[in-house]
Amino acid sequence: MAIATPTPAGAAAAATPEHVARLERTIARVVRGKPEVIRLAVVAMLAEGHVLIEDVPGVGKTTLAQAVAKAVGLSFQRIQFTSDLLPSDIIGISVYDQEGHDFRFVPGPLFANVVLADEINRATPKTQSALLEAMSERKVSVERQRYALPQPFLVLATQNPLEYLGTFPLPESQLDRFLMALEMGYPPHEEEKQLLISGGVEQLLETIEPALSAAELIALQQQVRRVTVTEKLVEYILALAQATRNAGHFALPVSTRGVQNLYRATQALALCEGRSYAIPDDVQRLAVPVFGHRVVLQQGAGDLEEARAAIQRVLAATPVPL
């Protein structure tokens, strides 16, 4: 499958929120009973951010990544992270060309539009850190040369709960590169029953046709930047972040990157909802998935559920702009 590249601005005008609805319906054909997870994954994609999914094995994390890639007709690569995986295994290597008498770069699986970093916390910190430059700058460095990654570029990383054997906690600098962190959870009973009857998701994945073109996706990403966020709403976002910095029970508060990510995600959610302006409800809906994985508590460090609960308390205590 060809790697998507940006198209002229004239193609952008055709993209509308209806494209978002069609995209979500397509993904929902295989990711059953998870409309909020699908919506948030789409929000992250439109906001040009990456997603971390923490949950137990077998609840559909990989399926979500594959469905997102197929629904937009993008190139897809899955990287299975293991303890012996090396940075060069994902970025690529330079090899000697016998005919050209020179070294040439052979791209690794990171050179795709949608990259599934499966069980990312099973790799060593050295390999985990190889993703940092790619996620933040959309470029990688190999032997003093920099190579641009294809656009659009989205990393969907999965990790098992930290108490599982053979896992390495992601460093805070890596976590901060993810726009949001999600939990899949088990599907509702009736949806799980229908999956059993239909024979599973593999056959459904094969039948997915792109709901958007790469050009339409890029157009929607451009439209996100034009969504209006009032000064009062900006102050509200800053107040939420400042509350984590002033409260004594946060060892690591929300970063400036986290504030920027919440701002952009708020714009993307407004667009998904068919609005050209953001509202406080958008911020409140996104604060936990965008902020929860970035903060570290003074007590219970590393516990994602406790961190999310702390962000909920910050939300409850911060006045909402009228």
Protein backbone atom coordinates (compact mmCIF):
# COMPACT_ATOMS: atom_id res chain seq x y z
CA MET A 1 0.00 0.00 0.00
CA ALA A 2 1.35 3.41 -0.94
CA ILE A 3 2.39 5.81 1.78
CA ALA A 4 0.12 8.84 1.96
CA THR A 5 1.51 12.24 1.10
CA PRO A 6 -0.06 15.69 1.44
CA THR A 7 -2.10 17.00 -1.46
CA PRO A 8 -2.73 20.56 -2.66
CA ALA A 9 -4.92 22.79 -0.53
CA GLY A 10 -7.69 22.70 -3.12
CA ALA A 11 -8.49 19.11 -2.13
CA ALA A 12 -8.94 20.18 1.49
CA ALA A 13 -12.17 22.05 1.00
CA ALA A 14 -14.23 18.87 0.52
CA ALA A 15 -13.61 17.51 4.04
CA THR A 16 -16.54 17.95 6.49
CA PRO A 17 -17.57 16.60 9.90
CA GLU A 18 -19.65 14.03 8.01
CA HIS A 19 -16.36 12.46 7.00
CA VAL A 20 -15.63 12.00 10.71
CA ALA A 21 -18.95 10.23 11.28
CA ARG A 22 -18.30 7.92 8.34
CA LEU A 23 -14.82 7.16 9.65
CA GLU A 24 -16.15 6.27 13.11
CA ARG A 25 -18.88 4.06 11.68
CA THR A 26 -16.30 2.15 9.66
CA ILE A 27 -14.06 1.56 12.68
CA ALA A 28 -17.08 0.55 14.78
CA ARG A 29 -17.75 -2.35 12.43
CA VAL A 30 -14.84 -4.22 14.04
CA VAL A 31 -14.33 -2.38 17.36
CA ARG A 32 -17.69 -3.23 18.88
CA GLY A 33 -19.37 -1.42 21.75
CA LYS A 34 -16.61 1.16 22.23
CA PRO A 35 -17.91 4.45 20.74
CA GLU A 36 -16.01 6.65 23.23
CA VAL A 37 -12.70 4.86 22.60
CA ILE A 38 -13.22 5.23 18.85
CA ARG A 39 -14.13 8.91 19.19
CA LEU A 40 -11.04 9.63 21.28
CA ALA A 41 -8.77 7.73 18.88
CA VAL A 42 -10.18 9.77 15.99
CA VAL A 43 -9.73 12.98 18.00
CA ALA A 44 -6.07 12.11 18.55
CA MET A 45 -5.58 11.41 14.85
CA LEU A 46 -7.18 14.71 13.83
CA ALA A 47 -5.10 16.51 16.45
CA GLU A 48 -1.96 14.90 14.96
CA GLY A 49 -1.18 13.14 18.22
CA HIS A 50 -0.25 9.65 19.35
CA VAL A 51 -2.25 7.27 21.53
CA LEU A 52 -1.21 4.92 24.33
CA ILE A 53 -3.62 2.10 25.16
CA GLU A 54 -3.09 0.29 28.46
CA ASP A 55 -5.10 -2.84 29.06
CA VAL A 56 -4.86 -6.60 29.48
CA PRO A 57 -4.13 -8.72 26.39
CA GLY A 58 -6.93 -9.73 24.07
CA VAL A 59 -9.43 -6.85 24.39
CA GLY A 60 -8.97 -5.32 20.94
CA LYS A 61 -6.00 -2.94 21.14
CA THR A 62 -4.39 -4.31 17.98
CA THR A 63 -7.76 -4.45 16.23
CA LEU A 64 -8.32 -0.74 16.90
CA ALA A 65 -4.97 0.18 15.33
CA GLN A 66 -5.59 -1.97 12.26
CA ALA A 67 -9.11 -0.62 11.83
CA VAL A 68 -7.90 3.00 12.03
CA ALA A 69 -5.28 2.36 9.35
CA LYS A 70 -7.68 0.55 7.02
CA ALA A 71 -10.48 3.09 7.49
CA VAL A 72 -8.26 5.86 6.13
CA GLY A 73 -6.43 3.77 3.53
CA LEU A 74 -3.04 4.41 5.13
CA SER A 75 0.08 2.27 5.23
CA PHE A 76 0.29 0.21 8.43
CA GLN A 77 3.12 -1.51 10.26
CA ARG A 78 3.03 -3.53 13.46
CA ILE A 79 6.13 -3.70 15.65
CA GLN A 80 6.09 -6.38 18.33
CA PHE A 81 8.21 -5.00 21.16
CA THR A 82 10.32 -7.56 23.01
CA SER A 83 13.21 -7.39 25.46
CA ASP A 84 15.77 -8.09 22.70
CA LEU A 85 14.43 -5.54 20.20
CA LEU A 86 17.07 -2.99 19.14
CA PRO A 87 16.54 0.64 18.04
CA SER A 88 17.82 -0.25 14.56
CA ASP A 89 15.11 -2.92 14.31
CA ILE A 90 12.43 -0.23 14.23
CA ILE A 91 14.22 2.76 12.67
CA GLY A 92 16.23 1.00 9.97
CA ILE A 93 19.90 0.58 9.11
CA SER A 94 22.50 1.65 6.58
CA VAL A 95 23.82 -1.17 4.42
CA TYR A 96 26.68 -1.24 1.96
CA ASP A 97 25.60 -1.25 -1.69
CA GLN A 98 28.02 -3.41 -3.65
CA GLU A 99 27.00 -1.92 -6.99
CA GLY A 100 27.01 1.72 -5.94
CA HIS A 101 30.02 1.31 -3.64
CA ASP A 102 28.26 3.38 -1.02
CA PHE A 103 26.01 2.99 1.99
CA ARG A 104 22.25 3.32 1.56
CA PHE A 105 19.55 3.58 4.18
CA VAL A 106 17.03 0.75 4.46
CA PRO A 107 13.95 2.11 6.32
CA GLY A 108 12.54 0.11 9.21
CA PRO A 109 8.89 -0.50 10.06
CA LEU A 110 8.63 2.95 11.65
CA PHE A 111 8.27 4.36 8.12
CA ALA A 112 4.51 3.96 7.83
CA ASN A 113 1.50 6.23 8.31
CA VAL A 114 0.08 4.20 11.21
CA VAL A 115 2.51 2.32 13.45
CA LEU A 116 1.30 -0.12 16.08
CA ALA A 117 3.91 -0.35 18.83
CA ASP A 118 2.59 -3.53 20.40
CA GLU A 119 3.41 -4.14 24.08
CA ILE A 120 5.82 -1.22 24.07
CA ASN A 121 6.70 -1.70 27.73
CA ARG A 122 8.23 -5.13 27.03
CA ALA A 123 11.18 -3.43 25.31
CA THR A 124 14.14 -2.00 27.17
CA PRO A 125 14.27 1.75 27.88
CA LYS A 126 16.95 2.16 25.17
CA THR A 127 14.59 0.88 22.48
CA GLN A 128 11.62 2.76 23.92
CA SER A 129 13.59 5.99 23.68
CA ALA A 130 14.23 5.38 19.97
CA LEU A 131 10.63 6.44 19.40
CA LEU A 132 11.04 9.84 21.08
CA GLU A 133 12.42 11.77 18.12
CA ALA A 134 10.01 10.07 15.71
CA MET A 135 6.95 10.88 17.81
CA SER A 136 7.81 14.51 18.50
CA GLU A 137 9.54 15.59 15.27
CA ARG A 138 8.27 13.07 12.70
CA LYS A 139 11.91 12.43 11.78
CA VAL A 140 14.59 9.91 12.73
CA SER A 141 18.37 10.20 12.81
CA VAL A 142 20.67 7.46 11.53
CA GLU A 143 24.43 7.99 11.37
CA ARG A 144 24.21 11.81 11.29
CA GLN A 145 21.51 11.76 8.63
CA ARG A 146 17.89 12.75 9.27
CA TYR A 147 15.02 11.09 7.47
CA ALA A 148 11.46 12.42 7.39
CA LEU A 149 8.65 10.02 8.24
CA PRO A 150 5.57 9.78 6.00
CA GLN A 151 2.66 12.12 6.69
CA PRO A 152 0.23 11.73 8.30
CA PHE A 153 2.06 9.80 11.03
CA LEU A 154 0.34 8.19 14.02
CA VAL A 155 1.76 5.88 16.70
CA LEU A 156 -0.74 3.66 18.49
CA ALA A 157 1.15 2.00 21.33
CA THR A 158 -0.19 -0.70 23.59
CA GLN A 159 1.13 -1.74 26.94
CA ASN A 160 0.23 -4.36 29.49
CA PRO A 161 -0.41 -3.32 33.09
CA LEU A 162 2.89 -2.79 34.89
CA GLU A 163 2.39 -5.68 37.28
CA TYR A 164 2.74 -8.14 34.37
CA LEU A 165 6.05 -10.02 34.23
CA GLY A 166 8.71 -8.78 31.81
CA THR A 167 7.55 -5.17 31.59
CA PHE A 168 9.58 -1.95 31.85
CA PRO A 169 7.82 1.27 32.90
CA LEU A 170 7.80 3.94 30.20
CA PRO A 171 9.88 6.97 31.22
CA GLU A 172 7.98 10.19 31.84
CA SER A 173 9.57 11.82 28.78
CA GLN A 174 8.14 9.04 26.61
CA LEU A 175 4.68 9.19 28.20
CA ASP A 176 4.55 12.93 27.58
CA ARG A 177 4.81 12.32 23.82
CA PHE A 178 1.44 10.58 23.77
CA LEU A 179 -1.46 12.96 23.29
CA MET A 180 -3.75 10.70 25.31
CA ALA A 181 -3.90 7.37 27.11
CA LEU A 182 -6.94 5.13 26.79
CA GLU A 183 -8.33 1.92 28.21
CA MET A 184 -10.21 -0.50 25.96
CA GLY A 185 -12.03 -2.61 28.55
CA TYR A 186 -14.06 -5.68 27.72
CA PRO A 187 -16.86 -5.34 25.15
CA PRO A 188 -20.51 -5.34 26.31
CA HIS A 189 -22.08 -8.81 26.55
CA GLU A 190 -24.26 -8.51 23.45
CA GLU A 191 -21.42 -7.15 21.31
CA GLU A 192 -19.08 -9.92 22.45
CA LYS A 193 -21.78 -12.45 21.62
CA GLN A 194 -22.13 -11.05 18.10
CA LEU A 195 -18.36 -11.25 17.63
CA LEU A 196 -18.47 -14.93 18.54
CA ILE A 197 -21.33 -15.63 16.16
CA SER A 198 -19.72 -13.70 13.28
CA GLY A 199 -16.45 -15.62 13.60
CA GLY A 200 -14.26 -12.87 15.08
CA VAL A 201 -12.79 -9.63 13.81
CA GLU A 202 -10.24 -11.00 11.33
CA GLN A 203 -12.81 -11.51 8.57
CA LEU A 204 -14.41 -8.12 9.29
CA LEU A 205 -11.03 -6.38 9.03
CA GLU A 206 -10.53 -7.85 5.57
CA THR A 207 -13.78 -6.29 4.36
CA ILE A 208 -13.08 -2.73 5.55
CA GLU A 209 -12.96 -0.16 2.76
CA PRO A 210 -11.41 3.28 3.36
CA ALA A 211 -13.96 5.78 4.67
CA LEU A 212 -11.57 8.70 4.09
CA SER A 213 -8.76 9.40 1.70
CA ALA A 214 -5.40 10.54 3.03
CA ALA A 215 -6.10 13.96 1.47
CA GLU A 216 -9.40 14.24 3.37
CA LEU A 217 -7.69 13.29 6.63
CA ILE A 218 -5.02 15.94 6.12
CA ALA A 219 -7.76 18.44 5.29
CA LEU A 220 -9.56 17.66 8.56
CA GLN A 221 -6.29 18.04 10.47
CA GLN A 222 -5.90 21.48 8.90
CA GLN A 223 -9.49 22.39 9.81
CA VAL A 224 -8.84 21.46 13.45
CA ARG A 225 -6.35 24.31 13.71
CA ARG A 226 -9.06 26.77 12.66
CA VAL A 227 -11.54 25.80 15.41
CA THR A 228 -12.14 28.76 17.72
CA VAL A 229 -11.05 28.52 21.37
CA THR A 230 -12.04 31.60 23.38
CA GLU A 231 -9.68 33.29 25.79
CA LYS A 232 -11.85 32.18 28.74
CA LEU A 233 -11.49 28.56 27.62
CA VAL A 234 -7.74 28.96 27.24
CA GLU A 235 -7.60 30.29 30.80
CA TYR A 236 -9.65 27.28 31.94
CA ILE A 237 -7.16 24.86 30.35
CA LEU A 238 -4.27 26.73 31.98
CA ALA A 239 -6.07 26.73 35.35
CA LEU A 240 -6.41 22.94 35.24
CA ALA A 241 -2.71 22.53 34.51
CA GLN A 242 -1.76 25.09 37.18
CA ALA A 243 -3.80 23.20 39.75
CA THR A 244 -1.56 20.16 39.28
CA ARG A 245 1.49 22.37 39.77
CA ASN A 246 0.22 23.99 42.95
CA ALA A 247 -1.21 20.89 44.61
CA GLY A 248 1.26 19.18 46.92
CA HIS A 249 0.30 15.62 45.98
CA PHE A 250 1.68 15.83 42.41
CA ALA A 251 5.37 14.93 42.23
CA LEU A 252 5.26 15.59 38.48
CA PRO A 253 2.55 18.04 37.30
CA VAL A 254 1.21 18.60 33.80
CA SER A 255 3.85 19.80 31.33
CA THR A 256 3.59 22.62 28.82
CA ARG A 257 3.34 19.98 26.09
CA GLY A 258 0.37 18.53 27.97
CA VAL A 259 -1.36 21.92 27.93
CA GLN A 260 -0.74 22.27 24.20
CA ASN A 261 -2.07 18.77 23.60
CA LEU A 262 -5.28 19.45 25.53
CA TYR A 263 -5.79 22.66 23.54
CA ARG A 264 -5.40 20.87 20.20
CA ALA A 265 -7.49 17.88 21.29
CA THR A 266 -10.25 20.27 22.37
CA GLN A 267 -10.26 21.77 18.89
CA ALA A 268 -10.40 18.29 17.32
CA LEU A 269 -13.28 17.14 19.53
CA ALA A 270 -15.27 20.27 18.67
CA LEU A 271 -14.80 19.51 14.98
CA CYS A 272 -15.91 15.90 15.51
CA GLU A 273 -19.03 17.22 17.22
CA GLY A 274 -19.78 19.41 14.19
CA ARG A 275 -18.85 22.73 15.78
CA SER A 276 -16.44 25.45 14.67
CA TYR A 277 -15.84 26.46 18.30
CA ALA A 278 -14.85 24.65 21.48
CA ILE A 279 -16.83 24.62 24.73
CA PRO A 280 -15.95 23.76 28.37
CA ASP A 281 -17.54 20.31 28.00
CA ASP A 282 -14.87 19.47 25.41
CA VAL A 283 -12.11 20.29 27.88
CA GLN A 284 -13.75 18.32 30.69
CA ARG A 285 -14.27 15.27 28.49
CA LEU A 286 -10.61 15.25 27.44
CA ALA A 287 -8.76 16.33 30.59
CA VAL A 288 -8.41 12.83 32.05
CA PRO A 289 -7.25 10.99 28.90
CA VAL A 290 -4.86 13.85 28.00
CA PHE A 291 -3.50 14.68 31.48
CA GLY A 292 -3.87 11.40 33.40
CA HIS A 293 -0.77 9.60 32.08
CA ARG A 294 1.48 12.68 32.35
CA VAL A 295 1.29 13.29 36.09
CA VAL A 296 3.06 11.40 38.85
CA LEU A 297 1.65 11.42 42.37
CA GLN A 298 3.71 11.84 45.50
CA GLN A 299 2.23 8.56 46.70
CA GLY A 300 1.21 5.70 44.42
CA ALA A 301 3.61 6.76 41.66
CA GLY A 302 3.04 4.84 38.44
CA ASP A 303 -0.58 4.01 39.23
CA LEU A 304 -2.54 5.26 36.25
CA GLU A 305 -5.92 4.82 37.90
CA GLU A 306 -4.92 6.94 40.90
CA ALA A 307 -3.49 9.61 38.59
CA ARG A 308 -6.74 9.74 36.62
CA ALA A 309 -8.72 10.01 39.85
CA ALA A 310 -6.50 12.92 40.90
CA ILE A 311 -7.20 14.73 37.61
CA GLN A 312 -10.92 14.17 38.19
CA ARG A 313 -10.59 15.89 41.56
CA VAL A 314 -8.78 18.79 39.90
CA LEU A 315 -11.65 19.06 37.41
CA ALA A 316 -14.22 19.10 40.21
CA ALA A 317 -12.36 21.80 42.12
CA THR A 318 -11.65 24.18 39.18
CA PRO A 319 -14.37 26.73 38.34
CA VAL A 320 -15.89 26.30 34.88
CA PRO A 321 -16.04 29.47 32.73
CA LEU A 322 -19.55 30.67 31.92
